[in-house]
Amino acid sequence: MTSKERCDLIRFVTSVSRAPLLGFGVMYPKFGISNGGSLERLPTASTCLNLLKLPDYKDKELIREKLLYSIYANSGFDLS
């Protein structure tokens, strides 16, 4: 990922565009990744929990493609 894509990923998961000043070690709740369910789903995030919900894609390029699609899709909050 490019530097911009990494920043956008941080914003996608945490709702802030920069890493914590003192590092991710002091972030609360901790940045986390959980299984996002079916491989048919796109990655999602729970920003209040700093949690990336990532399906267990087997291919690195597919992970990158799906993550970037989710990051730039401009989807709002989903109260499901």
Protein backbone atom coordinates (compact mmCIF):
# COMPACT_ATOMS: atom_id res chain seq x y z
CA MET A 1 0.00 0.00 0.00
CA THR A 2 1.09 3.53 -0.62
CA SER A 3 1.52 5.95 2.26
CA LYS A 4 -1.79 7.64 1.35
CA GLU A 5 -3.60 4.29 1.22
CA ARG A 6 -2.25 3.39 4.67
CA CYS A 7 -3.48 6.73 6.05
CA ASP A 8 -6.86 6.14 4.45
CA LEU A 9 -6.99 2.65 5.99
CA ILE A 10 -6.32 4.14 9.42
CA ARG A 11 -9.13 6.65 8.84
CA PHE A 12 -11.45 3.84 7.62
CA VAL A 13 -10.91 1.82 10.81
CA THR A 14 -10.51 4.56 13.44
CA SER A 15 -12.27 7.60 11.91
CA VAL A 16 -9.11 9.70 12.40
CA SER A 17 -6.67 10.35 9.59
CA ARG A 18 -3.42 10.05 11.54
CA ALA A 19 -1.78 7.48 13.76
CA PRO A 20 -1.86 8.31 17.48
CA LEU A 21 0.87 10.78 18.48
CA LEU A 22 2.34 8.33 21.00
CA GLY A 23 1.81 5.28 18.76
CA PHE A 24 -0.74 2.52 18.45
CA GLY A 25 0.33 1.08 21.81
CA VAL A 26 -1.54 3.85 23.64
CA MET A 27 -4.66 3.66 21.47
CA TYR A 28 -7.81 2.68 23.32
CA PRO A 29 -9.53 0.57 22.36
CA LYS A 30 -6.61 -1.18 20.70
CA PHE A 31 -6.57 -1.41 16.90
CA GLY A 32 -7.93 -4.85 16.07
CA ILE A 33 -8.81 -7.15 13.20
CA SER A 34 -11.57 -9.74 13.38
CA ASN A 35 -13.05 -12.24 10.95
CA GLY A 36 -15.52 -10.39 8.76
CA GLY A 37 -17.60 -13.42 7.86
CA SER A 38 -18.37 -14.72 4.39
CA LEU A 39 -15.80 -14.31 1.63
CA GLU A 40 -18.58 -12.69 -0.40
CA ARG A 41 -18.59 -9.69 1.96
CA LEU A 42 -16.44 -6.60 1.76
CA PRO A 43 -14.26 -5.49 4.67
CA THR A 44 -16.07 -3.25 7.17
CA ALA A 45 -15.05 -1.38 10.28
CA SER A 46 -16.42 -0.52 13.70
CA THR A 47 -14.79 2.86 14.21
CA CYS A 48 -15.88 3.16 17.85
CA LEU A 49 -13.94 -0.05 18.55
CA ASN A 50 -11.03 0.61 16.13
CA LEU A 51 -11.91 -2.78 14.64
CA LEU A 52 -11.38 -3.91 11.06
CA LYS A 53 -13.73 -6.75 10.10
CA LEU A 54 -11.88 -8.59 7.36
CA PRO A 55 -13.14 -11.79 5.73
CA ASP A 56 -10.52 -14.54 5.54
CA TYR A 57 -9.45 -13.86 1.95
CA LYS A 58 -6.69 -16.25 0.85
CA ASP A 59 -5.03 -14.03 -1.76
CA LYS A 60 -3.03 -10.90 -0.82
CA GLU A 61 -4.03 -9.09 -4.01
CA LEU A 62 -7.70 -9.82 -3.31
CA ILE A 63 -7.29 -8.44 0.22
CA ARG A 64 -5.76 -5.25 -1.18
CA GLU A 65 -8.45 -4.91 -3.87
CA LYS A 66 -11.35 -5.43 -1.45
CA LEU A 67 -9.85 -3.17 1.22
CA LEU A 68 -9.25 -0.32 -1.21
CA TYR A 69 -12.75 -0.71 -2.63
CA SER A 70 -14.24 -0.48 0.87
CA ILE A 71 -12.05 2.45 1.87
CA TYR A 72 -12.94 4.54 -1.18
CA ALA A 73 -16.60 3.51 -1.54
CA ASN A 74 -17.66 6.48 0.64
CA SER A 75 -20.22 4.42 2.49
CA GLY A 76 -21.66 5.89 5.66
CA PHE A 77 -22.68 4.36 8.95
CA ASP A 78 -24.81 1.23 8.90
CA LEU A 79 -26.86 0.62 12.01
CA SER A 80 -27.24 -3.13 11.63
